[in-house]
Amino acid sequence: MEVNDSFMVIKKGIFSSKNNTKYMSVELKDKTGKIEGKVWDNADTFNNLFDKNDIVLIKAKSKFYQGKPQLTINDIRKAEHNLALEDMRAFFAESEAGIDLLKEEYYKVIDQLKEPHIVSLFSVLNNRKDTLEKFFLYPASIGVHHVYMGGLLEHSLSLVKMGMHVAKTIGGDMDIIIAGSLLHDIGKVEEIEMRGGFKYSDRGRLLGHITLGVIMLEECIKDIPGFPAHIADVLAHIIISHHGVEEWGSPKKPMSLEALMVHYLDNLDAKVMGVKEHMRDNMEDEKWTEYHKLYESRFYKLPER
């Protein structure tokens, strides 16, 4: 079958065959998965036309080799234009909830806010189009939970929905819980970058998403006249304390009802989704997962009913 399409390059290398002929091996991906490709002719020439993490245009023929699909590539070269973030959706897995539906849910949640200064805060945030686009499309982490496009938005909204139920049951300021849930990981839009995969940016490695989140909050607040200091401090405290303890990255423990809720709900949602994602790809048999290094356990999967 003829293939004429775009892919992202995950791996590339030049090798020698048994008869000392050079060939190129590449690993390519799009949102449907990964595939291996071989360039048997003019390998050195094509090697100079693109690098790892580039988006490339290829012309190839597909075949099965040792039971797996493989591409025999006749032409491969770097795409001429850098892709917009929205266009990167063609190369990464997405939230099963659907990014467009999650966006609609986000705006419905914002419409429920009542405190006028918090309403203004999200008005400022929503006008920062680059930040908002990243918040909608970035993953929540690069290897632990919600590791797919739209994961950050899905995770944040999950905290909102759980937090609203908790507040109705045991109390808490609803607007602070909603705002804190949406903002707790906002720094990840600068901590993470999408370049051949999900990676930490230099700024992210140096400062971390907690520090970056507080900086972003303060930048938004400075554009709002008369923003109450106590609300600014409580929201900053939620960002600072949401990991719970210093050894997990938080310089302060949660010291308000709302900060406690966001911390425990964040921990719950991240761990449950991390285990779900582990179950998807790492089952030892039909009941038990392989050992999860981070959580130091295997997990039992109930049979479907």
C-alpha atoms as a PDB file:
ATOM      1  CA  MET A   1       0.000   0.000   0.000  1.00  0.00           C
ATOM      2  CA  GLU A   2       1.264   3.473  -0.885  1.00  0.00           C
ATOM      3  CA  VAL A   3       1.716   5.902   2.033  1.00  0.00           C
ATOM      4  CA  ASN A   4       1.986   9.654   1.500  1.00  0.00           C
ATOM      5  CA  ASP A   5       1.592  11.348   4.872  1.00  0.00           C
ATOM      6  CA  SER A   6       3.123  13.349   7.728  1.00  0.00           C
ATOM      7  CA  PHE A   7       4.707  11.856  10.840  1.00  0.00           C
ATOM      8  CA  MET A   8       6.832  12.905  13.792  1.00  0.00           C
ATOM      9  CA  VAL A   9      10.321  11.398  14.032  1.00  0.00           C
ATOM     10  CA  ILE A  10      10.958   9.689  17.382  1.00  0.00           C
ATOM     11  CA  LYS A  11      14.208   7.916  16.526  1.00  0.00           C
ATOM     12  CA  LYS A  12      16.636   7.855  13.606  1.00  0.00           C
ATOM     13  CA  GLY A  13      19.958   6.192  12.905  1.00  0.00           C
ATOM     14  CA  ILE A  14      22.309   5.104  10.131  1.00  0.00           C
ATOM     15  CA  PHE A  15      23.331   1.440  10.106  1.00  0.00           C
ATOM     16  CA  SER A  16      25.210  -1.001   7.870  1.00  0.00           C
ATOM     17  CA  SER A  17      23.612  -4.076   6.349  1.00  0.00           C
ATOM     18  CA  LYS A  18      25.343  -7.465   6.062  1.00  0.00           C
ATOM     19  CA  ASN A  19      26.760  -6.491   2.665  1.00  0.00           C
ATOM     20  CA  ASN A  20      28.143  -3.201   4.084  1.00  0.00           C
ATOM     21  CA  THR A  21      25.441  -1.035   2.487  1.00  0.00           C
ATOM     22  CA  LYS A  22      24.277   1.922   4.558  1.00  0.00           C
ATOM     23  CA  TYR A  23      20.594   2.237   5.419  1.00  0.00           C
ATOM     24  CA  MET A  24      18.535   4.466   7.695  1.00  0.00           C
ATOM     25  CA  SER A  25      16.102   3.250  10.333  1.00  0.00           C
ATOM     26  CA  VAL A  26      13.495   5.633  11.716  1.00  0.00           C
ATOM     27  CA  GLU A  27      10.664   5.352  14.212  1.00  0.00           C
ATOM     28  CA  LEU A  28       7.669   7.505  13.317  1.00  0.00           C
ATOM     29  CA  LYS A  29       4.459   8.393  15.140  1.00  0.00           C
ATOM     30  CA  ASP A  30       1.122  10.086  14.765  1.00  0.00           C
ATOM     31  CA  LYS A  31      -1.926  10.073  17.045  1.00  0.00           C
ATOM     32  CA  THR A  32      -2.794   6.500  15.985  1.00  0.00           C
ATOM     33  CA  GLY A  33       0.518   5.043  17.154  1.00  0.00           C
ATOM     34  CA  LYS A  34       4.088   4.287  16.098  1.00  0.00           C
ATOM     35  CA  ILE A  35       5.626   2.569  13.068  1.00  0.00           C
ATOM     36  CA  GLU A  36       9.142   1.688  11.968  1.00  0.00           C
ATOM     37  CA  GLY A  37      10.504   2.789   8.606  1.00  0.00           C
ATOM     38  CA  LYS A  38      13.589   1.943   6.538  1.00  0.00           C
ATOM     39  CA  VAL A  39      15.405   4.025   3.921  1.00  0.00           C
ATOM     40  CA  TRP A  40      17.452   1.597   1.837  1.00  0.00           C
ATOM     41  CA  ASP A  41      18.714   3.983  -0.837  1.00  0.00           C
ATOM     42  CA  ASN A  42      20.560   7.313  -0.461  1.00  0.00           C
ATOM     43  CA  ALA A  43      20.532   7.054   3.323  1.00  0.00           C
ATOM     44  CA  ASP A  44      23.273   9.676   3.823  1.00  0.00           C
ATOM     45  CA  THR A  45      21.476  12.188   1.619  1.00  0.00           C
ATOM     46  CA  PHE A  46      18.152  11.815   3.442  1.00  0.00           C
ATOM     47  CA  ASN A  47      19.912  11.852   6.814  1.00  0.00           C
ATOM     48  CA  ASN A  48      20.821  15.498   6.238  1.00  0.00           C
ATOM     49  CA  LEU A  49      17.242  16.562   5.467  1.00  0.00           C
ATOM     50  CA  PHE A  50      15.672  16.157   8.916  1.00  0.00           C
ATOM     51  CA  ASP A  51      16.392  15.493  12.593  1.00  0.00           C
ATOM     52  CA  LYS A  52      14.810  13.662  15.494  1.00  0.00           C
ATOM     53  CA  ASN A  53      11.619  15.406  16.742  1.00  0.00           C
ATOM     54  CA  ASP A  54      10.951  16.970  13.315  1.00  0.00           C
ATOM     55  CA  ILE A  55       7.654  16.650  11.489  1.00  0.00           C
ATOM     56  CA  VAL A  56       8.443  14.959   8.181  1.00  0.00           C
ATOM     57  CA  LEU A  57       6.619  14.274   4.941  1.00  0.00           C
ATOM     58  CA  ILE A  58       7.164  10.764   3.609  1.00  0.00           C
ATOM     59  CA  LYS A  59       6.434   8.697   0.552  1.00  0.00           C
ATOM     60  CA  ALA A  60       6.610   5.000   1.252  1.00  0.00           C
ATOM     61  CA  LYS A  61       5.182   1.539   0.765  1.00  0.00           C
ATOM     62  CA  SER A  62       3.847  -0.418   3.720  1.00  0.00           C
ATOM     63  CA  LYS A  63       4.433  -4.095   4.331  1.00  0.00           C
ATOM     64  CA  PHE A  64       4.478  -6.574   7.185  1.00  0.00           C
ATOM     65  CA  TYR A  65       7.848  -7.664   8.553  1.00  0.00           C
ATOM     66  CA  GLN A  66       7.988 -10.275  11.328  1.00  0.00           C
ATOM     67  CA  GLY A  67       4.293  -9.731  11.948  1.00  0.00           C
ATOM     68  CA  LYS A  68       4.526  -5.940  12.328  1.00  0.00           C
ATOM     69  CA  PRO A  69       3.779  -3.157   9.840  1.00  0.00           C
ATOM     70  CA  GLN A  70       6.857  -1.455   8.424  1.00  0.00           C
ATOM     71  CA  LEU A  71       7.423   1.312   5.881  1.00  0.00           C
ATOM     72  CA  THR A  72       9.892   1.152   3.012  1.00  0.00           C
ATOM     73  CA  ILE A  73      10.569   4.854   2.521  1.00  0.00           C
ATOM     74  CA  ASN A  74      11.344   6.306  -0.890  1.00  0.00           C
ATOM     75  CA  ASP A  75      11.353   9.971   0.151  1.00  0.00           C
ATOM     76  CA  ILE A  76      11.502  11.665   3.564  1.00  0.00           C
ATOM     77  CA  ARG A  77      12.080  15.332   4.315  1.00  0.00           C
ATOM     78  CA  LYS A  78      11.281  17.910   6.974  1.00  0.00           C
ATOM     79  CA  ALA A  79       7.967  19.760   6.694  1.00  0.00           C
ATOM     80  CA  GLU A  80       8.626  23.325   5.544  1.00  0.00           C
ATOM     81  CA  HIS A  81       6.574  25.141   8.183  1.00  0.00           C
ATOM     82  CA  ASN A  82       6.473  24.863  11.967  1.00  0.00           C
ATOM     83  CA  LEU A  83       3.114  23.562  13.077  1.00  0.00           C
ATOM     84  CA  ALA A  84       0.762  25.481  15.335  1.00  0.00           C
ATOM     85  CA  LEU A  85      -0.095  23.794  18.626  1.00  0.00           C
ATOM     86  CA  GLU A  86      -3.580  22.945  17.349  1.00  0.00           C
ATOM     87  CA  ASP A  87      -2.041  21.120  14.385  1.00  0.00           C
ATOM     88  CA  MET A  88       0.090  19.012  16.734  1.00  0.00           C
ATOM     89  CA  ARG A  89      -3.085  17.132  17.613  1.00  0.00           C
ATOM     90  CA  ALA A  90      -2.450  15.001  14.540  1.00  0.00           C
ATOM     91  CA  PHE A  91       0.624  13.476  16.210  1.00  0.00           C
ATOM     92  CA  PHE A  92      -0.373  12.872  19.847  1.00  0.00           C
ATOM     93  CA  ALA A  93      -3.013  10.846  21.640  1.00  0.00           C
ATOM     94  CA  GLU A  94      -5.859  12.918  23.105  1.00  0.00           C
ATOM     95  CA  SER A  95      -8.165  12.786  26.084  1.00  0.00           C
ATOM     96  CA  GLU A  96     -10.927  10.258  25.509  1.00  0.00           C
ATOM     97  CA  ALA A  97     -13.322  12.775  27.003  1.00  0.00           C
ATOM     98  CA  GLY A  98     -12.853  14.951  23.910  1.00  0.00           C
ATOM     99  CA  ILE A  99     -10.976  18.238  24.033  1.00  0.00           C
ATOM    100  CA  ASP A 100     -13.810  20.244  22.500  1.00  0.00           C
ATOM    101  CA  LEU A 101     -16.287  18.937  25.085  1.00  0.00           C
ATOM    102  CA  LEU A 102     -13.806  19.677  27.865  1.00  0.00           C
ATOM    103  CA  LYS A 103     -13.487  23.261  26.610  1.00  0.00           C
ATOM    104  CA  GLU A 104     -17.274  23.657  26.751  1.00  0.00           C
ATOM    105  CA  GLU A 105     -17.240  22.282  30.295  1.00  0.00           C
ATOM    106  CA  TYR A 106     -14.513  24.761  31.279  1.00  0.00           C
ATOM    107  CA  TYR A 107     -16.549  27.768  30.144  1.00  0.00           C
ATOM    108  CA  LYS A 108     -19.667  26.436  31.901  1.00  0.00           C
ATOM    109  CA  VAL A 109     -17.675  26.166  35.136  1.00  0.00           C
ATOM    110  CA  ILE A 110     -16.354  29.713  34.732  1.00  0.00           C
ATOM    111  CA  ASP A 111     -19.930  30.940  34.301  1.00  0.00           C
ATOM    112  CA  GLN A 112     -20.762  29.570  37.771  1.00  0.00           C
ATOM    113  CA  LEU A 113     -18.252  31.841  39.527  1.00  0.00           C
ATOM    114  CA  LYS A 114     -19.862  34.583  41.605  1.00  0.00           C
ATOM    115  CA  GLU A 115     -17.085  36.505  43.413  1.00  0.00           C
ATOM    116  CA  PRO A 116     -16.482  39.502  41.075  1.00  0.00           C
ATOM    117  CA  HIS A 117     -12.696  39.630  41.469  1.00  0.00           C
ATOM    118  CA  ILE A 118     -12.331  35.904  40.723  1.00  0.00           C
ATOM    119  CA  VAL A 119     -14.607  36.395  37.697  1.00  0.00           C
ATOM    120  CA  SER A 120     -12.252  39.178  36.575  1.00  0.00           C
ATOM    121  CA  LEU A 121      -9.239  36.921  37.167  1.00  0.00           C
ATOM    122  CA  PHE A 122     -10.519  34.342  34.716  1.00  0.00           C
ATOM    123  CA  SER A 123     -11.495  37.043  32.269  1.00  0.00           C
ATOM    124  CA  VAL A 124      -7.844  38.152  32.254  1.00  0.00           C
ATOM    125  CA  LEU A 125      -6.633  34.561  31.954  1.00  0.00           C
ATOM    126  CA  ASN A 126      -9.029  33.800  29.100  1.00  0.00           C
ATOM    127  CA  ASN A 127      -7.722  36.799  27.183  1.00  0.00           C
ATOM    128  CA  ARG A 128      -4.213  35.352  27.298  1.00  0.00           C
ATOM    129  CA  LYS A 129      -4.841  33.213  24.232  1.00  0.00           C
ATOM    130  CA  ASP A 130      -1.448  31.505  24.118  1.00  0.00           C
ATOM    131  CA  THR A 131      -1.716  30.464  27.778  1.00  0.00           C
ATOM    132  CA  LEU A 132      -5.305  29.316  27.387  1.00  0.00           C
ATOM    133  CA  GLU A 133      -4.532  27.250  24.281  1.00  0.00           C
ATOM    134  CA  LYS A 134      -1.732  25.461  26.129  1.00  0.00           C
ATOM    135  CA  PHE A 135      -4.002  24.906  29.146  1.00  0.00           C
ATOM    136  CA  PHE A 136      -6.556  23.296  26.838  1.00  0.00           C
ATOM    137  CA  LEU A 137      -4.100  21.135  24.876  1.00  0.00           C
ATOM    138  CA  TYR A 138      -1.167  20.222  27.134  1.00  0.00           C
ATOM    139  CA  PRO A 139      -0.874  16.973  29.128  1.00  0.00           C
ATOM    140  CA  ALA A 140      -1.054  17.052  32.924  1.00  0.00           C
ATOM    141  CA  SER A 141       2.372  15.384  33.209  1.00  0.00           C
ATOM    142  CA  ILE A 142       5.041  13.884  30.999  1.00  0.00           C
ATOM    143  CA  GLY A 143       4.974  10.379  32.417  1.00  0.00           C
ATOM    144  CA  VAL A 144       2.763   9.862  35.492  1.00  0.00           C
ATOM    145  CA  HIS A 145      -0.906  10.670  34.787  1.00  0.00           C
ATOM    146  CA  HIS A 146      -3.072  12.231  32.061  1.00  0.00           C
ATOM    147  CA  VAL A 147      -0.145  11.874  29.632  1.00  0.00           C
ATOM    148  CA  TYR A 148      -2.021  12.982  26.509  1.00  0.00           C
ATOM    149  CA  MET A 149      -3.209  16.163  24.845  1.00  0.00           C
ATOM    150  CA  GLY A 150      -6.048  17.690  26.835  1.00  0.00           C
ATOM    151  CA  GLY A 151      -4.856  15.909  29.968  1.00  0.00           C
ATOM    152  CA  LEU A 152      -4.193  19.096  31.935  1.00  0.00           C
ATOM    153  CA  LEU A 153      -7.680  20.442  31.256  1.00  0.00           C
ATOM    154  CA  GLU A 154      -9.301  17.067  31.999  1.00  0.00           C
ATOM    155  CA  HIS A 155      -7.407  16.734  35.295  1.00  0.00           C
ATOM    156  CA  SER A 156      -8.218  20.295  36.384  1.00  0.00           C
ATOM    157  CA  LEU A 157     -11.909  19.896  35.593  1.00  0.00           C
ATOM    158  CA  SER A 158     -11.982  16.582  37.449  1.00  0.00           C
ATOM    159  CA  LEU A 159     -10.819  18.419  40.575  1.00  0.00           C
ATOM    160  CA  VAL A 160     -13.491  21.083  40.017  1.00  0.00           C
ATOM    161  CA  LYS A 161     -16.300  18.522  39.767  1.00  0.00           C
ATOM    162  CA  MET A 162     -15.146  16.535  42.797  1.00  0.00           C
ATOM    163  CA  GLY A 163     -14.481  19.733  44.761  1.00  0.00           C
ATOM    164  CA  MET A 164     -17.977  21.055  44.113  1.00  0.00           C
ATOM    165  CA  HIS A 165     -19.497  17.825  45.437  1.00  0.00           C
ATOM    166  CA  VAL A 166     -17.228  17.885  48.489  1.00  0.00           C
ATOM    167  CA  ALA A 167     -18.052  21.530  49.224  1.00  0.00           C
ATOM    168  CA  LYS A 168     -21.784  20.799  49.063  1.00  0.00           C
ATOM    169  CA  THR A 169     -21.279  17.900  51.473  1.00  0.00           C
ATOM    170  CA  ILE A 170     -18.836  19.219  54.065  1.00  0.00           C
ATOM    171  CA  GLY A 171     -18.488  22.936  53.295  1.00  0.00           C
ATOM    172  CA  GLY A 172     -15.886  25.271  51.823  1.00  0.00           C
ATOM    173  CA  ASP A 173     -15.875  28.376  49.642  1.00  0.00           C
ATOM    174  CA  MET A 174     -17.155  27.223  46.255  1.00  0.00           C
ATOM    175  CA  ASP A 175     -15.502  29.974  44.202  1.00  0.00           C
ATOM    176  CA  ILE A 176     -12.113  29.411  45.847  1.00  0.00           C
ATOM    177  CA  ILE A 177     -12.392  25.651  45.281  1.00  0.00           C
ATOM    178  CA  ILE A 178     -13.295  26.122  41.606  1.00  0.00           C
ATOM    179  CA  ALA A 179     -10.567  28.707  41.027  1.00  0.00           C
ATOM    180  CA  GLY A 180      -7.955  26.771  42.999  1.00  0.00           C
ATOM    181  CA  SER A 181      -8.748  23.546  41.143  1.00  0.00           C
ATOM    182  CA  LEU A 182      -8.396  25.242  37.763  1.00  0.00           C
ATOM    183  CA  LEU A 183      -5.217  27.119  38.726  1.00  0.00           C
ATOM    184  CA  HIS A 184      -3.333  24.554  40.825  1.00  0.00           C
ATOM    185  CA  ASP A 185      -1.362  23.210  37.822  1.00  0.00           C
ATOM    186  CA  ILE A 186      -1.486  26.289  35.564  1.00  0.00           C
ATOM    187  CA  GLY A 187       2.309  26.587  35.752  1.00  0.00           C
ATOM    188  CA  LYS A 188       2.573  23.411  33.677  1.00  0.00           C
ATOM    189  CA  VAL A 189       1.821  25.414  30.533  1.00  0.00           C
ATOM    190  CA  GLU A 190       5.350  26.814  30.968  1.00  0.00           C
ATOM    191  CA  GLU A 191       6.946  23.817  32.679  1.00  0.00           C
ATOM    192  CA  ILE A 192       6.147  21.481  29.758  1.00  0.00           C
ATOM    193  CA  GLU A 193       6.833  21.841  26.060  1.00  0.00           C
ATOM    194  CA  MET A 194       5.754  19.711  23.126  1.00  0.00           C
ATOM    195  CA  ARG A 195       8.684  18.939  20.847  1.00  0.00           C
ATOM    196  CA  GLY A 196       8.872  15.400  19.570  1.00  0.00           C
ATOM    197  CA  GLY A 197       7.060  14.373  22.735  1.00  0.00           C
ATOM    198  CA  PHE A 198       6.173  15.824  26.116  1.00  0.00           C
ATOM    199  CA  LYS A 199       9.309  17.297  27.704  1.00  0.00           C
ATOM    200  CA  TYR A 200      10.327  19.737  30.434  1.00  0.00           C
ATOM    201  CA  SER A 201      11.296  23.182  29.202  1.00  0.00           C
ATOM    202  CA  ASP A 202      14.483  24.812  30.509  1.00  0.00           C
ATOM    203  CA  ARG A 203      12.318  27.254  32.486  1.00  0.00           C
ATOM    204  CA  GLY A 204      10.294  24.338  33.830  1.00  0.00           C
ATOM    205  CA  ARG A 205      13.384  22.477  35.043  1.00  0.00           C
ATOM    206  CA  LEU A 206      14.779  25.588  36.696  1.00  0.00           C
ATOM    207  CA  LEU A 207      11.617  26.877  38.406  1.00  0.00           C
ATOM    208  CA  GLY A 208       9.012  24.078  38.435  1.00  0.00           C
ATOM    209  CA  HIS A 209       5.280  24.418  37.850  1.00  0.00           C
ATOM    210  CA  ILE A 210       4.465  25.538  41.410  1.00  0.00           C
ATOM    211  CA  THR A 211       6.725  28.598  41.198  1.00  0.00           C
ATOM    212  CA  LEU A 212       5.636  29.285  37.633  1.00  0.00           C
ATOM    213  CA  GLY A 213       1.972  29.015  38.659  1.00  0.00           C
ATOM    214  CA  VAL A 214       2.356  31.628  41.388  1.00  0.00           C
ATOM    215  CA  ILE A 215       4.165  33.956  38.970  1.00  0.00           C
ATOM    216  CA  MET A 216       1.364  33.574  36.410  1.00  0.00           C
ATOM    217  CA  LEU A 217      -1.303  34.196  39.062  1.00  0.00           C
ATOM    218  CA  GLU A 218       0.426  37.376  40.192  1.00  0.00           C
ATOM    219  CA  GLU A 219       0.770  38.576  36.583  1.00  0.00           C
ATOM    220  CA  CYS A 220      -2.987  38.170  36.058  1.00  0.00           C
ATOM    221  CA  ILE A 221      -3.935  39.791  39.371  1.00  0.00           C
ATOM    222  CA  LYS A 222      -1.845  42.926  38.770  1.00  0.00           C
ATOM    223  CA  ASP A 223      -4.190  43.803  35.879  1.00  0.00           C
ATOM    224  CA  ILE A 224      -7.250  43.782  38.190  1.00  0.00           C
ATOM    225  CA  PRO A 225      -7.756  46.968  40.281  1.00  0.00           C
ATOM    226  CA  GLY A 226      -8.599  46.376  43.937  1.00  0.00           C
ATOM    227  CA  PHE A 227      -8.054  42.605  43.905  1.00  0.00           C
ATOM    228  CA  PRO A 228      -8.406  41.530  47.570  1.00  0.00           C
ATOM    229  CA  ALA A 229      -5.094  40.524  49.096  1.00  0.00           C
ATOM    230  CA  HIS A 230      -6.622  37.652  51.083  1.00  0.00           C
ATOM    231  CA  ILE A 231      -8.084  36.033  47.947  1.00  0.00           C
ATOM    232  CA  ALA A 232      -4.767  36.432  46.121  1.00  0.00           C
ATOM    233  CA  ASP A 233      -2.939  34.849  49.060  1.00  0.00           C
ATOM    234  CA  VAL A 234      -5.369  31.932  49.412  1.00  0.00           C
ATOM    235  CA  LEU A 235      -5.181  31.106  45.688  1.00  0.00           C
ATOM    236  CA  ALA A 236      -1.377  31.362  45.739  1.00  0.00           C
ATOM    237  CA  HIS A 237      -1.358  29.131  48.831  1.00  0.00           C
ATOM    238  CA  ILE A 238      -3.416  26.480  46.998  1.00  0.00           C
ATOM    239  CA  ILE A 239      -0.877  26.442  44.166  1.00  0.00           C
ATOM    240  CA  ILE A 240       2.059  26.345  46.615  1.00  0.00           C
ATOM    241  CA  SER A 241       0.596  23.626  48.861  1.00  0.00           C
ATOM    242  CA  HIS A 242      -1.236  21.322  46.441  1.00  0.00           C
ATOM    243  CA  HIS A 243       1.474  18.629  46.567  1.00  0.00           C
ATOM    244  CA  GLY A 244       0.911  18.469  50.300  1.00  0.00           C
ATOM    245  CA  VAL A 245       4.371  18.115  51.794  1.00  0.00           C
ATOM    246  CA  GLU A 246       7.884  19.365  51.109  1.00  0.00           C
ATOM    247  CA  GLU A 247       9.222  16.004  49.922  1.00  0.00           C
ATOM    248  CA  TRP A 248       6.576  16.039  47.141  1.00  0.00           C
ATOM    249  CA  GLY A 249       7.529  19.561  46.081  1.00  0.00           C
ATOM    250  CA  SER A 250       5.328  21.830  48.196  1.00  0.00           C
ATOM    251  CA  PRO A 251       7.133  24.375  50.410  1.00  0.00           C
ATOM    252  CA  LYS A 252       3.983  24.718  52.539  1.00  0.00           C
ATOM    253  CA  LYS A 253       1.435  22.225  53.820  1.00  0.00           C
ATOM    254  CA  PRO A 254      -2.238  23.011  53.034  1.00  0.00           C
ATOM    255  CA  MET A 255      -3.476  25.457  55.682  1.00  0.00           C
ATOM    256  CA  SER A 256      -7.038  26.242  54.600  1.00  0.00           C
ATOM    257  CA  LEU A 257     -10.085  24.047  54.064  1.00  0.00           C
ATOM    258  CA  GLU A 258     -10.001  24.726  50.344  1.00  0.00           C
ATOM    259  CA  ALA A 259      -6.257  24.003  50.078  1.00  0.00           C
ATOM    260  CA  LEU A 260      -6.768  20.690  51.889  1.00  0.00           C
ATOM    261  CA  MET A 261      -9.526  19.733  49.461  1.00  0.00           C
ATOM    262  CA  VAL A 262      -7.512  20.613  46.362  1.00  0.00           C
ATOM    263  CA  HIS A 263      -4.476  18.714  47.673  1.00  0.00           C
ATOM    264  CA  TYR A 264      -6.329  15.488  48.450  1.00  0.00           C
ATOM    265  CA  LEU A 265      -8.449  15.607  45.290  1.00  0.00           C
ATOM    266  CA  ASP A 266      -5.360  16.286  43.179  1.00  0.00           C
ATOM    267  CA  ASN A 267      -3.600  13.331  44.792  1.00  0.00           C
ATOM    268  CA  LEU A 268      -6.638  11.087  44.290  1.00  0.00           C
ATOM    269  CA  ASP A 269      -7.237  12.016  40.657  1.00  0.00           C
ATOM    270  CA  ALA A 270      -3.552  11.787  39.694  1.00  0.00           C
ATOM    271  CA  LYS A 271      -3.042   8.393  41.343  1.00  0.00           C
ATOM    272  CA  VAL A 272      -6.253   6.801  40.047  1.00  0.00           C
ATOM    273  CA  MET A 273      -5.653   8.010  36.490  1.00  0.00           C
ATOM    274  CA  GLY A 274      -1.994   6.999  36.703  1.00  0.00           C
ATOM    275  CA  VAL A 275      -3.017   3.468  37.683  1.00  0.00           C
ATOM    276  CA  LYS A 276      -5.664   3.365  34.942  1.00  0.00           C
ATOM    277  CA  GLU A 277      -3.058   4.330  32.362  1.00  0.00           C
ATOM    278  CA  HIS A 278      -0.666   1.718  33.818  1.00  0.00           C
ATOM    279  CA  MET A 279      -3.402  -0.919  33.514  1.00  0.00           C
ATOM    280  CA  ARG A 280      -3.982  -0.055  29.879  1.00  0.00           C
ATOM    281  CA  ASP A 281      -0.483  -0.988  28.725  1.00  0.00           C
ATOM    282  CA  ASN A 282       1.141  -3.017  31.507  1.00  0.00           C
ATOM    283  CA  MET A 283      -1.042  -6.000  32.432  1.00  0.00           C
ATOM    284  CA  GLU A 284       0.894  -9.054  33.627  1.00  0.00           C
ATOM    285  CA  ASP A 285      -2.183 -11.192  33.048  1.00  0.00           C
ATOM    286  CA  GLU A 286      -5.930 -10.580  32.934  1.00  0.00           C
ATOM    287  CA  LYS A 287      -6.098  -9.693  36.655  1.00  0.00           C
ATOM    288  CA  TRP A 288      -2.810  -8.089  37.743  1.00  0.00           C
ATOM    289  CA  THR A 289      -0.661  -5.284  36.422  1.00  0.00           C
ATOM    290  CA  GLU A 290       3.100  -5.343  36.247  1.00  0.00           C
ATOM    291  CA  TYR A 291       4.918  -3.677  39.166  1.00  0.00           C
ATOM    292  CA  HIS A 292       4.458   0.112  39.198  1.00  0.00           C
ATOM    293  CA  LYS A 293       7.787   1.636  40.276  1.00  0.00           C
ATOM    294  CA  LEU A 294       6.383   5.006  41.350  1.00  0.00           C
ATOM    295  CA  TYR A 295       3.523   3.554  43.420  1.00  0.00           C
ATOM    296  CA  GLU A 296       5.621   0.532  44.514  1.00  0.00           C
ATOM    297  CA  SER A 297       2.831  -1.961  43.942  1.00  0.00           C
ATOM    298  CA  ARG A 298       1.018  -4.188  41.513  1.00  0.00           C
ATOM    299  CA  PHE A 299      -2.676  -3.460  40.999  1.00  0.00           C
ATOM    300  CA  TYR A 300      -5.635  -5.786  40.737  1.00  0.00           C
ATOM    301  CA  LYS A 301      -8.126  -5.163  37.977  1.00  0.00           C
ATOM    302  CA  LEU A 302     -11.709  -6.192  38.624  1.00  0.00           C
ATOM    303  CA  PRO A 303     -13.332  -8.226  35.831  1.00  0.00           C
ATOM    304  CA  GLU A 304     -15.699  -6.214  33.665  1.00  0.00           C
ATOM    305  CA  ARG A 305     -19.415  -6.679  34.303  1.00  0.00           C
END
